[in-house]
Amino acid sequence: MARPAVAIQWNSQSLRKDKSKLIFLLQKYSPTDAAVSETWLKPGSHFRVPGFACLRDDRSDEYSGVAVFIRNHTPFSPVGIPWRWPPGSCREG
């Protein structure tokens, strides 16, 4: 029986200073992917976690920012999502 996918979400308020906490969470819960908010990483800066691919969206002021860490060998395809939705494109129901 296949192991169910595990995902975690964490508000880090600075991945650079809390990298060891992220690694601890990844080791403890062994997720397929991890969504991290408030990364506070500088655009273009180097930040890697062994065993994971990373998709990031950093802000130029080095605050806020998000990242998704996806375990290596997990198939995925990034999808670009528009910042502004066309009027009427997102309706409930």
Protein backbone atom coordinates (compact mmCIF):
# COMPACT_ATOMS: atom_id res chain seq x y z
CA MET A 1 0.00 0.00 0.00
CA ALA A 2 1.38 3.40 -0.96
CA ARG A 3 2.14 5.88 1.77
CA PRO A 4 -0.30 8.83 1.71
CA ALA A 5 1.14 12.18 0.72
CA VAL A 6 2.03 14.42 3.64
CA ALA A 7 2.11 18.21 3.33
CA ILE A 8 3.06 20.85 5.87
CA GLN A 9 2.61 24.63 5.98
CA TRP A 10 4.73 26.93 8.13
CA ASN A 11 5.07 30.69 8.64
CA SER A 12 8.83 31.06 9.16
CA GLN A 13 9.30 34.84 9.48
CA SER A 14 12.81 34.46 8.00
CA LEU A 15 13.92 31.22 6.42
CA ARG A 16 17.53 32.34 6.47
CA LYS A 17 17.61 32.49 10.29
CA ASP A 18 15.27 29.50 10.72
CA LYS A 19 16.72 27.05 8.18
CA SER A 20 17.50 24.56 10.96
CA LYS A 21 13.82 24.64 12.05
CA LEU A 22 12.71 23.94 8.48
CA ILE A 23 15.12 20.99 8.23
CA PHE A 24 13.83 19.69 11.58
CA LEU A 25 10.21 19.84 10.33
CA LEU A 26 11.14 18.10 7.08
CA GLN A 27 12.95 15.32 8.93
CA LYS A 28 10.26 14.90 11.60
CA TYR A 29 7.20 14.79 9.31
CA SER A 30 8.84 13.56 6.08
CA PRO A 31 6.42 15.52 3.88
CA THR A 32 6.08 15.23 0.14
CA ASP A 33 5.92 19.02 0.05
CA ALA A 34 6.13 21.97 2.41
CA ALA A 35 4.64 25.42 1.88
CA VAL A 36 6.47 28.20 3.70
CA SER A 37 5.19 31.76 4.09
CA GLU A 38 7.05 34.87 5.25
CA THR A 39 10.34 33.57 3.86
CA TRP A 40 11.96 37.03 3.80
CA LEU A 41 14.48 35.91 1.18
CA LYS A 42 16.16 38.32 -1.21
CA PRO A 43 15.31 37.75 -4.89
CA GLY A 44 18.07 35.74 -6.55
CA SER A 45 19.64 34.67 -3.24
CA HIS A 46 20.90 31.11 -2.83
CA PHE A 47 18.79 28.93 -0.51
CA ARG A 48 18.75 25.16 -0.83
CA VAL A 49 17.52 22.28 1.28
CA PRO A 50 19.04 18.86 0.54
CA GLY A 51 16.54 16.40 -0.90
CA PHE A 52 14.05 19.04 -2.06
CA ALA A 53 13.33 21.15 -5.12
CA CYS A 54 12.19 24.68 -4.32
CA LEU A 55 9.75 27.07 -5.99
CA ARG A 56 9.96 30.62 -4.63
CA ASP A 57 8.34 34.00 -5.00
CA ASP A 58 10.43 36.63 -3.21
CA ARG A 59 9.65 40.31 -2.75
CA SER A 60 12.18 42.98 -3.64
CA ASP A 61 12.00 44.50 -0.12
CA GLU A 62 13.06 41.10 1.34
CA TYR A 63 9.91 40.79 3.44
CA SER A 64 6.97 38.48 2.93
CA GLY A 65 7.70 35.93 0.20
CA VAL A 66 6.67 32.30 -0.17
CA ALA A 67 8.34 29.02 -1.03
CA VAL A 68 7.21 25.48 -1.76
CA PHE A 69 9.67 22.66 -1.14
CA ILE A 70 8.94 19.47 -3.09
CA ARG A 71 10.71 16.22 -2.26
CA ASN A 72 13.15 15.17 -5.00
CA HIS A 73 11.79 12.56 -7.41
CA THR A 74 8.20 13.79 -6.86
CA PRO A 75 6.81 14.64 -10.29
CA PHE A 76 5.50 18.20 -10.54
CA SER A 77 4.97 20.97 -13.05
CA PRO A 78 4.98 24.63 -11.97
CA VAL A 79 1.98 26.59 -13.21
CA GLY A 80 2.09 30.37 -13.57
CA ILE A 81 -0.92 32.04 -11.98
CA PRO A 82 -1.82 35.63 -12.88
CA TRP A 83 -1.57 38.24 -10.13
CA ARG A 84 -4.80 39.88 -11.21
CA TRP A 85 -7.82 37.82 -12.18
CA PRO A 86 -10.02 39.03 -15.03
CA PRO A 87 -13.37 40.38 -13.82
CA GLY A 88 -15.90 37.58 -13.30
CA SER A 89 -13.34 34.76 -13.63
CA CYS A 90 -13.41 33.66 -10.01
CA ARG A 91 -16.93 33.05 -8.74
CA GLU A 92 -18.22 30.86 -5.97
CA GLY A 93 -20.76 28.15 -6.73
